[in-house]
Amino acid sequence: MEETTQRRPAHHPRTASRVFSGEAVIITPADNVIRMLNPTGSRIWELADGTRTVAQIVETLTAEYDVDETRAERTTRELLDTLSDKGMIIWDGS
């Protein structure tokens, strides 16, 4: 589990995104789909820029939101797994 928290998620180069009023709008041209994330998901999206590990993203969320580390880690992992499955996130330059 420790190994997973040290991985660095990044936006897939084929996605386009903008954050408006705290909500991310992400376009995946490959399947021509527009997705919107809630404010927490949008913050995770912003932090998943390839420079931070999952552990650092979780640390930031616990500092910015009233959430414990266990819940922040679970939420972060679940969202990043979903985004990865949809081809919106890549890991460690993959």
Protein backbone atom coordinates (compact mmCIF):
# COMPACT_ATOMS: atom_id res chain seq x y z
CA MET A 1 0.00 0.00 0.00
CA GLU A 2 2.90 2.38 0.75
CA GLU A 3 4.16 1.93 -2.81
CA THR A 4 0.84 3.15 -4.21
CA THR A 5 0.89 6.33 -2.11
CA GLN A 6 4.30 7.22 -3.58
CA ARG A 7 3.08 7.11 -7.18
CA ARG A 8 2.51 10.39 -8.99
CA PRO A 9 -0.73 10.81 -10.94
CA ALA A 10 -0.86 13.26 -13.84
CA HIS A 11 -3.49 14.38 -16.31
CA HIS A 12 -3.45 12.33 -19.48
CA PRO A 13 -1.97 14.50 -22.25
CA ARG A 14 -5.06 13.91 -24.39
CA THR A 15 -7.41 15.51 -21.88
CA ALA A 16 -8.35 19.16 -21.71
CA SER A 17 -9.63 20.72 -18.52
CA ARG A 18 -10.57 23.94 -16.79
CA VAL A 19 -11.70 24.68 -13.27
CA PHE A 20 -14.63 27.09 -13.00
CA SER A 21 -15.88 28.21 -9.60
CA GLY A 22 -14.14 25.27 -7.93
CA GLU A 23 -15.51 22.61 -10.29
CA ALA A 24 -13.38 20.90 -12.92
CA VAL A 25 -14.67 20.37 -16.43
CA ILE A 26 -12.66 17.68 -18.21
CA ILE A 27 -12.91 16.79 -21.88
CA THR A 28 -11.59 13.51 -23.21
CA PRO A 29 -11.41 13.89 -27.00
CA ALA A 30 -10.84 10.16 -27.59
CA ASP A 31 -14.41 9.40 -26.55
CA ASN A 32 -15.77 12.95 -26.99
CA VAL A 33 -17.06 13.12 -23.42
CA ILE A 34 -17.27 16.06 -21.04
CA ARG A 35 -17.12 15.26 -17.33
CA MET A 36 -17.57 17.52 -14.33
CA LEU A 37 -16.17 16.91 -10.86
CA ASN A 38 -17.52 18.15 -7.54
CA PRO A 39 -15.34 20.59 -5.55
CA THR A 40 -13.41 17.86 -3.69
CA GLY A 41 -12.85 15.87 -6.87
CA SER A 42 -11.82 19.07 -8.62
CA ARG A 43 -9.22 19.78 -5.95
CA ILE A 44 -7.81 16.27 -6.34
CA TRP A 45 -7.74 16.82 -10.12
CA GLU A 46 -5.82 20.08 -9.63
CA LEU A 47 -3.32 18.40 -7.30
CA ALA A 48 -2.82 15.42 -9.63
CA ASP A 49 -0.41 17.36 -11.82
CA GLY A 50 2.45 14.86 -11.94
CA THR A 51 4.53 16.66 -9.32
CA ARG A 52 2.81 15.30 -6.21
CA THR A 53 2.52 11.78 -4.87
CA VAL A 54 -0.81 10.35 -3.74
CA ALA A 55 0.46 10.77 -0.15
CA GLN A 56 1.14 14.47 -0.76
CA ILE A 57 -2.32 14.94 -2.27
CA VAL A 58 -3.87 13.29 0.79
CA GLU A 59 -1.77 15.49 3.08
CA THR A 60 -2.98 18.61 1.27
CA LEU A 61 -6.61 17.52 1.48
CA THR A 62 -6.40 16.89 5.23
CA ALA A 63 -4.89 20.35 5.69
CA GLU A 64 -7.49 22.12 3.54
CA TYR A 65 -10.65 20.20 4.47
CA ASP A 66 -12.13 18.97 7.73
CA VAL A 67 -11.36 15.33 6.94
CA ASP A 68 -9.24 12.64 8.57
CA GLU A 69 -6.36 11.02 6.73
CA THR A 70 -8.07 7.64 6.29
CA ARG A 71 -11.12 9.13 4.59
CA ALA A 72 -9.00 11.51 2.47
CA GLU A 73 -6.82 8.63 1.30
CA ARG A 74 -9.82 6.42 0.45
CA THR A 75 -11.55 9.24 -1.47
CA THR A 76 -8.36 10.15 -3.32
CA ARG A 77 -7.56 6.57 -4.29
CA GLU A 78 -11.11 5.87 -5.44
CA LEU A 79 -11.27 8.98 -7.61
CA LEU A 80 -7.80 8.49 -9.09
CA ASP A 81 -8.60 4.83 -9.87
CA THR A 82 -11.80 5.90 -11.61
CA LEU A 83 -10.03 8.64 -13.56
CA SER A 84 -7.28 6.18 -14.52
CA ASP A 85 -9.83 3.59 -15.68
CA LYS A 86 -11.42 6.28 -17.89
CA GLY A 87 -8.04 7.22 -19.37
CA MET A 88 -7.98 10.66 -17.77
CA ILE A 89 -5.01 10.06 -15.44
CA ILE A 90 -1.65 8.47 -16.11
CA TRP A 91 0.81 7.27 -13.48
CA ASP A 92 4.50 8.13 -13.19
CA GLY A 93 4.93 9.03 -16.83
CA SER A 94 3.22 5.88 -18.12
